[in-house]
Amino acid sequence: MGDKIITGGAWAQLVIDGSPVGLATQATYTEDWGVAPANVLGYLGPMDYDSQNYSCQITIGSFLPEIPGSGAWPDGGSLALTDLLPSRSDVQSNGGKPGEFDLLQFINKATGGVMAQFRKVMITNNGQQINPNTYVTVNISMLAIERVNVA
């Protein structure tokens, strides 16, 4: 088996709609299936459990890169995650949508394989984190219509 494993978050490349946008310092996603009990009158306890709702929340921490003077971005892309963050007036003029993307992928930089991917993703909040003796990171949360199975 020649596969490599990821041992550091900096090996996770973020790709939005086919464009690399930075390296992740951390990334998580949580799918909530909205499971609810199927209760029946006169029966103590549920008869079954069914999914009544679905949500997928993604949280990403990404290095805040320095804009390259004349060379390429360190990850080989031409955009940074911060380039995709809207201002308040952008959201207001865009019908209340704070940035919507068709496909978000986490790519293993060591192997080039897709680790996770999500369809129809929208930014829900963002911010920056500054700590001594570390890189500045951009923190962003998103909601996705669905996690797409990696083939």
Protein backbone atom coordinates (compact mmCIF):
# COMPACT_ATOMS: atom_id res chain seq x y z
CA MET A 1 0.00 0.00 0.00
CA GLY A 2 1.74 3.18 -1.19
CA ASP A 3 -0.77 5.71 0.18
CA LYS A 4 0.43 8.47 2.47
CA ILE A 5 -1.48 9.66 5.49
CA ILE A 6 -1.94 13.25 6.53
CA THR A 7 -0.12 14.05 9.74
CA GLY A 8 -0.39 17.85 9.62
CA GLY A 9 -3.31 20.07 8.66
CA ALA A 10 -1.08 22.19 6.44
CA TRP A 11 -1.17 19.36 3.92
CA ALA A 12 -4.88 19.94 3.25
CA GLN A 13 -5.43 22.15 0.19
CA LEU A 14 -8.74 23.99 0.01
CA VAL A 15 -10.24 24.12 -3.47
CA ILE A 16 -13.38 26.14 -4.27
CA ASP A 17 -14.99 25.73 -7.69
CA GLY A 18 -11.76 24.28 -9.05
CA SER A 19 -9.44 27.02 -7.74
CA PRO A 20 -6.94 26.47 -4.91
CA VAL A 21 -7.63 29.04 -2.16
CA GLY A 22 -5.19 28.13 0.60
CA LEU A 23 -3.88 25.53 3.00
CA ALA A 24 -5.98 24.52 5.99
CA THR A 25 -4.64 24.77 9.51
CA GLN A 26 -7.79 22.96 10.64
CA ALA A 27 -11.02 21.88 9.05
CA THR A 28 -14.06 20.06 10.36
CA TYR A 29 -17.50 19.24 9.08
CA THR A 30 -20.56 18.04 10.92
CA GLU A 31 -23.58 16.46 9.29
CA ASP A 32 -26.78 16.54 11.32
CA TRP A 33 -29.41 14.13 10.08
CA GLY A 34 -32.20 15.59 12.24
CA VAL A 35 -33.21 12.17 13.53
CA ALA A 36 -36.54 12.23 15.33
CA PRO A 37 -38.53 9.50 17.06
CA ALA A 38 -41.61 8.07 15.37
CA ASN A 39 -44.02 8.05 18.29
CA VAL A 40 -47.38 6.26 18.31
CA LEU A 41 -50.24 7.00 20.72
CA GLY A 42 -50.61 4.33 23.35
CA TYR A 43 -47.11 2.94 22.87
CA LEU A 44 -44.38 3.78 25.36
CA GLY A 45 -41.32 4.95 23.48
CA PRO A 46 -40.70 5.39 19.77
CA MET A 47 -41.54 2.75 17.19
CA ASP A 48 -38.63 3.84 15.02
CA TYR A 49 -36.35 6.76 14.26
CA ASP A 50 -36.45 8.75 11.03
CA SER A 51 -34.41 11.57 9.56
CA GLN A 52 -36.62 14.68 9.45
CA ASN A 53 -34.01 17.25 8.44
CA TYR A 54 -30.42 17.59 7.25
CA SER A 55 -27.70 20.16 7.71
CA CYS A 56 -23.98 20.15 6.99
CA GLN A 57 -21.75 22.71 8.71
CA ILE A 58 -18.10 23.20 7.72
CA THR A 59 -15.55 25.11 9.78
CA ILE A 60 -12.17 25.98 8.30
CA GLY A 61 -9.05 27.63 9.65
CA SER A 62 -6.71 28.71 6.87
CA PHE A 63 -3.36 30.47 6.82
CA LEU A 64 -3.68 34.17 6.01
CA PRO A 65 -1.17 34.43 3.18
CA GLU A 66 0.91 37.43 2.26
CA ILE A 67 -0.03 38.56 -1.23
CA PRO A 68 2.83 37.57 -3.52
CA GLY A 69 4.63 40.50 -5.12
CA SER A 70 5.40 39.00 -8.50
CA GLY A 71 5.45 35.25 -7.95
CA ALA A 72 2.82 32.59 -7.45
CA TRP A 73 0.85 31.95 -4.27
CA PRO A 74 2.59 29.40 -2.03
CA ASP A 75 -0.10 26.78 -2.75
CA GLY A 76 0.13 27.32 -6.51
CA GLY A 77 -3.24 29.06 -6.78
CA SER A 78 -4.15 32.60 -7.76
CA LEU A 79 -6.69 33.28 -4.98
CA ALA A 80 -6.75 33.20 -1.21
CA LEU A 81 -9.75 32.27 0.91
CA THR A 82 -9.87 35.92 2.05
CA ASP A 83 -10.48 36.99 -1.57
CA LEU A 84 -13.84 35.21 -1.41
CA LEU A 85 -15.10 36.91 1.76
CA PRO A 86 -17.82 39.49 1.05
CA SER A 87 -18.36 42.85 2.68
CA ARG A 88 -21.69 43.78 4.22
CA SER A 89 -22.61 45.88 1.18
CA ASP A 90 -21.70 42.94 -1.12
CA VAL A 91 -24.17 40.72 0.75
CA GLN A 92 -26.88 43.35 0.72
CA SER A 93 -26.53 43.93 -3.03
CA ASN A 94 -26.42 40.15 -3.69
CA GLY A 95 -29.89 39.44 -2.33
CA GLY A 96 -28.63 38.45 1.12
CA LYS A 97 -26.26 35.74 -0.08
CA PRO A 98 -22.83 36.04 1.57
CA GLY A 99 -20.92 33.99 -0.97
CA GLU A 100 -22.14 30.80 -2.56
CA PHE A 101 -19.97 28.19 -4.28
CA ASP A 102 -20.82 25.10 -6.31
CA LEU A 103 -18.09 22.83 -4.92
CA LEU A 104 -15.70 22.88 -1.94
CA GLN A 105 -13.00 20.20 -1.73
CA PHE A 106 -10.29 19.24 0.75
CA ILE A 107 -7.36 17.85 -1.25
CA ASN A 108 -4.52 15.82 0.26
CA LYS A 109 -1.40 17.72 -0.88
CA ALA A 110 0.75 14.63 -0.34
CA THR A 111 -1.25 12.37 -2.67
CA GLY A 112 -3.54 14.70 -4.66
CA GLY A 113 -6.59 12.73 -3.53
CA VAL A 114 -9.89 14.30 -2.52
CA MET A 115 -10.49 13.81 1.22
CA ALA A 116 -13.94 15.42 1.37
CA GLN A 117 -16.15 17.46 -0.92
CA PHE A 118 -19.33 19.46 -0.54
CA ARG A 119 -21.93 20.75 -2.99
CA LYS A 120 -23.56 24.20 -2.98
CA VAL A 121 -21.68 25.81 -0.10
CA MET A 122 -22.50 29.19 1.46
CA ILE A 123 -20.43 31.29 3.86
CA THR A 124 -22.18 31.81 7.21
CA ASN A 125 -19.52 33.65 9.21
CA ASN A 126 -15.84 34.50 9.22
CA GLY A 127 -13.08 36.16 11.24
CA GLN A 128 -9.34 36.22 11.86
CA GLN A 129 -7.27 34.79 14.68
CA ILE A 130 -4.01 36.40 15.75
CA ASN A 131 -1.79 34.75 18.36
CA PRO A 132 1.84 35.34 19.30
CA ASN A 133 4.46 33.14 17.61
CA THR A 134 2.00 31.62 15.14
CA TYR A 135 0.62 32.36 11.70
CA VAL A 136 -2.43 34.57 11.35
CA THR A 137 -5.40 32.41 10.39
CA VAL A 138 -8.73 33.09 8.75
CA ASN A 139 -11.63 31.25 10.37
CA ILE A 140 -14.68 30.65 8.24
CA SER A 141 -17.90 28.68 8.69
CA MET A 142 -20.06 27.46 5.85
CA LEU A 143 -23.22 25.46 5.29
CA ALA A 144 -23.46 22.95 2.47
CA ILE A 145 -26.47 21.45 0.77
CA GLU A 146 -24.72 18.09 0.96
CA ARG A 147 -21.46 16.23 1.42
CA VAL A 148 -20.69 14.46 -1.83
CA ASN A 149 -19.18 10.96 -1.63
CA VAL A 150 -15.64 10.78 -2.92
CA ALA A 151 -15.39 8.26 -5.76
